[in-house]
Amino acid sequence: MRLNRAIAATGICSRRDADELIKAGRVKVNRKVCYDLALRVDPEVDRIAVDNNVFERREFEYVVLHKPRGIVTTCEDERGRRTVIDLMPPELQHLKPVGRLDRDSEGMIILTNDGDFAQILAHPSNHVEKTYRVTLEGHIGDKELDAMRDGIRLSEGKTQPCQIHSLHRAGNLSTFTIVIKEGRNRQIRRMCAKVGYNVLRLVREGIGALQLNLKEPGEWRHLKASEVSRLSERK
């Protein structure tokens, strides 16, 4: 992240005020005065000080967020779009999102400064289940659902078998729950497109044993120690 964001994340000032501190030569990075407003730092690694007061390394923190539609799952966006970090209070803006959830989708995102924990959740070899509620245009048939369960051939290869249940058809819509163990780019949308259906809404409702349980988009909460422990268990 940029140096001004790292300073603001401590809660001592805004990013604009942090820029003024940097310009005034009051900020040191790794014991050297820094005047570079564009410098990128890692608060978990770099030694950052203002007026010779060093920011101590933080304890690990774990947050679950209900990401709204239209928000980008990155720390910063070159195109100026709002990110999940923008939804966090300043004292939590040093956290990083785990994995991806595309801009048009909504639902559960976990943010943390614990790299090992993030690796357990995000690495494909750990096969962490992710649960989504899908709304499609049209009435999807059993044949198409079975094809998705068995695996759909995408440009980078066939998807792994997945679970699909709780199908409901009403009006011109179909909704169902899908559980996958991989996280390819826009995977569920692409799978549905391959069998001829357009996804209207996609909500991630769970990661592993953790359920969203945050009704309003933009809501967030700290994870309980027991939740972190369960999510940290390797298969």
Protein backbone atom coordinates (compact mmCIF):
# COMPACT_ATOMS: atom_id res chain seq x y z
CA MET A 1 0.00 0.00 0.00
CA ARG A 2 1.04 3.63 -0.36
CA LEU A 3 2.91 5.16 2.57
CA ASN A 4 0.17 7.71 3.27
CA ARG A 5 -2.43 4.93 3.58
CA ALA A 6 -0.18 2.99 5.96
CA ILE A 7 0.16 6.05 8.18
CA ALA A 8 -3.56 6.82 8.05
CA ALA A 9 -4.36 3.20 8.92
CA THR A 10 -2.86 3.75 12.37
CA GLY A 11 -5.60 6.27 13.07
CA ILE A 12 -3.28 9.21 13.80
CA CYS A 13 -4.32 11.28 10.78
CA SER A 14 -5.96 11.28 7.36
CA ARG A 15 -4.15 10.36 4.15
CA ARG A 16 -4.03 14.02 3.16
CA ASP A 17 -2.43 14.93 6.48
CA ALA A 18 -0.02 12.01 6.07
CA ASP A 19 1.12 13.52 2.77
CA GLU A 20 1.94 16.75 4.59
CA LEU A 21 3.95 14.83 7.20
CA ILE A 22 5.93 13.16 4.41
CA LYS A 23 6.59 16.46 2.63
CA ALA A 24 7.81 17.97 5.90
CA GLY A 25 10.39 15.22 6.36
CA ARG A 26 8.74 13.94 9.52
CA VAL A 27 8.37 10.36 8.25
CA LYS A 28 11.05 7.68 8.24
CA VAL A 29 10.86 4.32 6.50
CA ASN A 30 13.40 1.76 7.67
CA ARG A 31 15.25 4.53 9.57
CA LYS A 32 15.61 6.82 6.54
CA VAL A 33 13.69 10.05 6.00
CA CYS A 34 11.25 9.59 3.13
CA TYR A 35 9.87 12.35 0.91
CA ASP A 36 8.40 10.00 -1.71
CA LEU A 37 4.61 10.38 -1.69
CA ALA A 38 4.25 7.42 -4.07
CA LEU A 39 6.35 4.98 -2.01
CA ARG A 40 4.69 1.62 -1.43
CA VAL A 41 5.28 -0.12 1.89
CA ASP A 42 4.21 -3.20 3.79
CA PRO A 43 3.32 -2.27 7.39
CA GLU A 44 3.96 -5.86 8.45
CA VAL A 45 7.57 -5.68 7.20
CA ASP A 46 8.71 -2.06 6.89
CA ARG A 47 9.67 0.06 9.91
CA ILE A 48 7.61 3.27 9.69
CA ALA A 49 8.07 6.18 12.09
CA VAL A 50 6.52 9.65 12.42
CA ASP A 51 8.53 12.15 14.47
CA ASN A 52 10.71 9.17 15.47
CA ASN A 53 7.71 7.34 16.97
CA VAL A 54 7.74 3.86 15.45
CA PHE A 55 4.52 2.08 14.56
CA GLU A 56 4.76 -1.30 16.20
CA ARG A 57 3.83 -4.37 14.21
CA ARG A 58 0.16 -5.10 14.73
CA GLU A 59 -1.37 -8.24 16.12
CA PHE A 60 -3.11 -10.45 13.59
CA GLU A 61 -6.64 -9.29 12.79
CA TYR A 62 -9.42 -11.08 10.93
CA VAL A 63 -12.51 -9.42 9.49
CA VAL A 64 -15.44 -10.72 7.43
CA LEU A 65 -17.15 -8.25 5.10
CA HIS A 66 -20.38 -8.40 3.11
CA LYS A 67 -19.02 -6.94 -0.13
CA PRO A 68 -21.59 -4.91 -2.04
CA ARG A 69 -21.97 -5.22 -5.78
CA GLY A 70 -19.82 -2.73 -7.68
CA ILE A 71 -16.92 -2.80 -5.21
CA VAL A 72 -13.50 -4.05 -6.35
CA THR A 73 -11.73 -6.74 -4.30
CA THR A 74 -8.29 -5.12 -4.20
CA CYS A 75 -6.40 -2.81 -1.87
CA GLU A 76 -6.10 -0.05 -4.48
CA ASP A 77 -7.54 0.46 -7.94
CA GLU A 78 -5.69 2.30 -10.70
CA ARG A 79 -9.00 3.33 -12.26
CA GLY A 80 -10.19 5.00 -9.07
CA ARG A 81 -13.03 2.57 -8.35
CA ARG A 82 -14.07 1.92 -4.75
CA THR A 83 -12.37 -1.06 -3.15
CA VAL A 84 -13.15 -3.28 -0.18
CA ILE A 85 -10.49 -1.36 1.75
CA ASP A 86 -12.48 1.85 1.29
CA LEU A 87 -15.30 0.19 3.26
CA MET A 88 -13.05 -0.36 6.27
CA PRO A 89 -12.41 2.20 9.03
CA PRO A 90 -8.91 3.77 8.91
CA GLU A 91 -7.55 1.51 11.67
CA LEU A 92 -8.35 -1.59 9.55
CA GLN A 93 -7.18 -0.35 6.16
CA HIS A 94 -3.87 -2.20 6.53
CA LEU A 95 -5.71 -5.50 6.07
CA LYS A 96 -5.71 -7.34 2.75
CA PRO A 97 -8.56 -9.27 1.10
CA VAL A 98 -8.18 -13.04 0.83
CA GLY A 99 -8.84 -14.39 -2.65
CA ARG A 100 -11.11 -12.75 -5.18
CA LEU A 101 -14.74 -11.87 -5.71
CA ASP A 102 -15.50 -10.08 -8.96
CA ARG A 103 -16.90 -6.57 -9.04
CA ASP A 104 -20.38 -7.67 -10.17
CA SER A 105 -20.69 -10.23 -7.36
CA GLU A 106 -21.45 -9.69 -3.70
CA GLY A 107 -21.11 -11.48 -0.41
CA MET A 108 -18.39 -12.79 1.84
CA ILE A 109 -14.84 -11.47 1.76
CA ILE A 110 -12.32 -12.12 4.52
CA LEU A 111 -9.64 -9.53 5.21
CA THR A 112 -6.55 -10.12 7.35
CA ASN A 113 -2.90 -9.26 7.94
CA ASP A 114 -2.08 -12.92 8.66
CA GLY A 115 -0.32 -14.17 5.52
CA ASP A 116 -0.24 -17.82 6.59
CA PHE A 117 -3.98 -17.80 7.28
CA ALA A 118 -4.65 -16.17 3.92
CA GLN A 119 -2.54 -18.80 2.18
CA ILE A 120 -4.53 -21.63 3.77
CA LEU A 121 -7.81 -20.17 2.50
CA ALA A 122 -6.63 -19.12 -0.94
CA HIS A 123 -4.28 -21.86 -2.11
CA PRO A 124 -6.02 -24.29 -4.51
CA SER A 125 -4.31 -27.32 -2.98
CA ASN A 126 -6.27 -26.84 0.26
CA HIS A 127 -9.65 -27.26 -1.52
CA VAL A 128 -11.51 -24.83 0.75
CA GLU A 129 -15.21 -24.93 -0.09
CA LYS A 130 -16.90 -21.70 -1.17
CA THR A 131 -20.70 -21.51 -1.25
CA TYR A 132 -22.65 -19.22 -3.59
CA ARG A 133 -26.29 -18.45 -4.26
CA VAL A 134 -26.86 -18.04 -7.99
CA THR A 135 -29.78 -16.34 -9.76
CA LEU A 136 -30.13 -17.05 -13.48
CA GLU A 137 -32.32 -15.72 -16.24
CA GLY A 138 -34.54 -18.57 -17.48
CA HIS A 139 -35.39 -22.05 -16.20
CA ILE A 140 -32.22 -24.12 -16.11
CA GLY A 141 -32.73 -27.83 -16.75
CA ASP A 142 -31.46 -30.91 -14.93
CA LYS A 143 -29.19 -31.76 -17.87
CA GLU A 144 -27.38 -28.44 -17.61
CA LEU A 145 -27.10 -28.70 -13.82
CA ASP A 146 -25.63 -32.21 -14.10
CA ALA A 147 -23.11 -30.96 -16.63
CA MET A 148 -22.01 -28.27 -14.19
CA ARG A 149 -21.81 -30.80 -11.35
CA ASP A 150 -19.55 -33.05 -13.43
CA GLY A 151 -17.31 -30.20 -14.59
CA ILE A 152 -17.37 -27.69 -17.44
CA ARG A 153 -14.53 -27.33 -19.92
CA LEU A 154 -13.28 -23.74 -19.87
CA SER A 155 -10.39 -22.25 -21.83
CA GLU A 156 -7.85 -23.18 -19.12
CA GLY A 157 -9.24 -26.69 -18.58
CA LYS A 158 -12.14 -28.57 -17.05
CA THR A 159 -13.58 -27.41 -13.74
CA GLN A 160 -13.60 -29.76 -10.78
CA PRO A 161 -16.84 -31.52 -9.82
CA CYS A 162 -19.07 -29.37 -7.62
CA GLN A 163 -22.25 -29.58 -5.56
CA ILE A 164 -25.50 -27.94 -6.67
CA HIS A 165 -28.67 -28.01 -4.57
CA SER A 166 -31.69 -25.99 -3.38
CA LEU A 167 -32.96 -25.29 -6.89
CA HIS A 168 -35.97 -22.98 -7.10
CA ARG A 169 -37.74 -21.76 -10.21
CA ALA A 170 -40.12 -18.80 -10.18
CA GLY A 171 -41.28 -16.54 -12.97
CA ASN A 172 -38.47 -16.40 -15.50
CA LEU A 173 -35.75 -16.99 -12.92
CA SER A 174 -33.83 -19.95 -11.49
CA THR A 175 -31.94 -19.83 -8.20
CA PHE A 176 -29.69 -22.48 -6.71
CA THR A 177 -26.76 -22.99 -4.35
CA ILE A 178 -23.40 -24.09 -5.73
CA VAL A 179 -20.36 -25.22 -3.73
CA ILE A 180 -16.95 -25.16 -5.43
CA LYS A 181 -13.42 -25.89 -4.23
CA GLU A 182 -11.50 -23.78 -6.71
CA GLY A 183 -11.49 -20.11 -7.57
CA ARG A 184 -10.92 -19.43 -11.23
CA ASN A 185 -11.62 -15.96 -12.56
CA ARG A 186 -15.41 -15.47 -12.85
CA GLN A 187 -15.72 -19.26 -12.74
CA ILE A 188 -19.41 -19.65 -11.93
CA ARG A 189 -20.49 -17.03 -14.45
CA ARG A 190 -18.43 -18.75 -17.14
CA MET A 191 -19.78 -22.20 -16.24
CA CYS A 192 -23.35 -20.95 -16.50
CA ALA A 193 -22.61 -19.22 -19.80
CA LYS A 194 -21.24 -22.49 -21.20
CA VAL A 195 -24.59 -24.20 -20.62
CA GLY A 196 -26.47 -21.23 -22.05
CA TYR A 197 -27.52 -19.14 -19.07
CA ASN A 198 -26.78 -15.60 -17.92
CA VAL A 199 -26.09 -14.95 -14.23
CA LEU A 200 -28.15 -12.05 -12.90
CA ARG A 201 -26.96 -12.19 -9.30
CA LEU A 202 -24.14 -14.03 -7.54
CA VAL A 203 -23.74 -13.95 -3.76
CA ARG A 204 -20.98 -15.73 -1.85
CA GLU A 205 -22.68 -17.06 1.27
CA GLY A 206 -19.90 -19.10 2.84
CA ILE A 207 -16.22 -19.96 3.00
CA GLY A 208 -15.47 -23.30 4.60
CA ALA A 209 -17.67 -23.65 7.69
CA LEU A 210 -18.14 -19.88 7.98
CA GLN A 211 -21.51 -18.47 6.90
CA LEU A 212 -22.03 -14.84 5.91
CA ASN A 213 -24.74 -13.89 8.45
CA LEU A 214 -24.38 -10.19 7.60
CA LYS A 215 -27.64 -9.00 6.10
CA GLU A 216 -26.67 -5.64 4.66
CA PRO A 217 -23.98 -5.08 2.00
CA GLY A 218 -21.13 -3.10 3.56
CA GLU A 219 -21.55 -4.67 7.00
CA TRP A 220 -18.46 -6.22 8.58
CA ARG A 221 -17.37 -7.80 11.84
CA HIS A 222 -14.28 -9.30 13.45
CA LEU A 223 -14.00 -13.08 13.28
CA LYS A 224 -14.15 -14.98 16.56
CA ALA A 225 -11.09 -16.95 17.63
CA SER A 226 -13.06 -20.19 17.20
CA GLU A 227 -13.96 -19.22 13.62
CA VAL A 228 -10.33 -18.46 12.77
CA SER A 229 -9.31 -21.80 14.25
CA ARG A 230 -11.85 -23.76 12.19
CA LEU A 231 -10.92 -21.95 8.99
CA SER A 232 -7.23 -22.62 9.66
CA GLU A 233 -7.69 -26.39 9.74
CA ARG A 234 -6.18 -28.04 6.69
CA LYS A 235 -8.10 -30.83 4.98
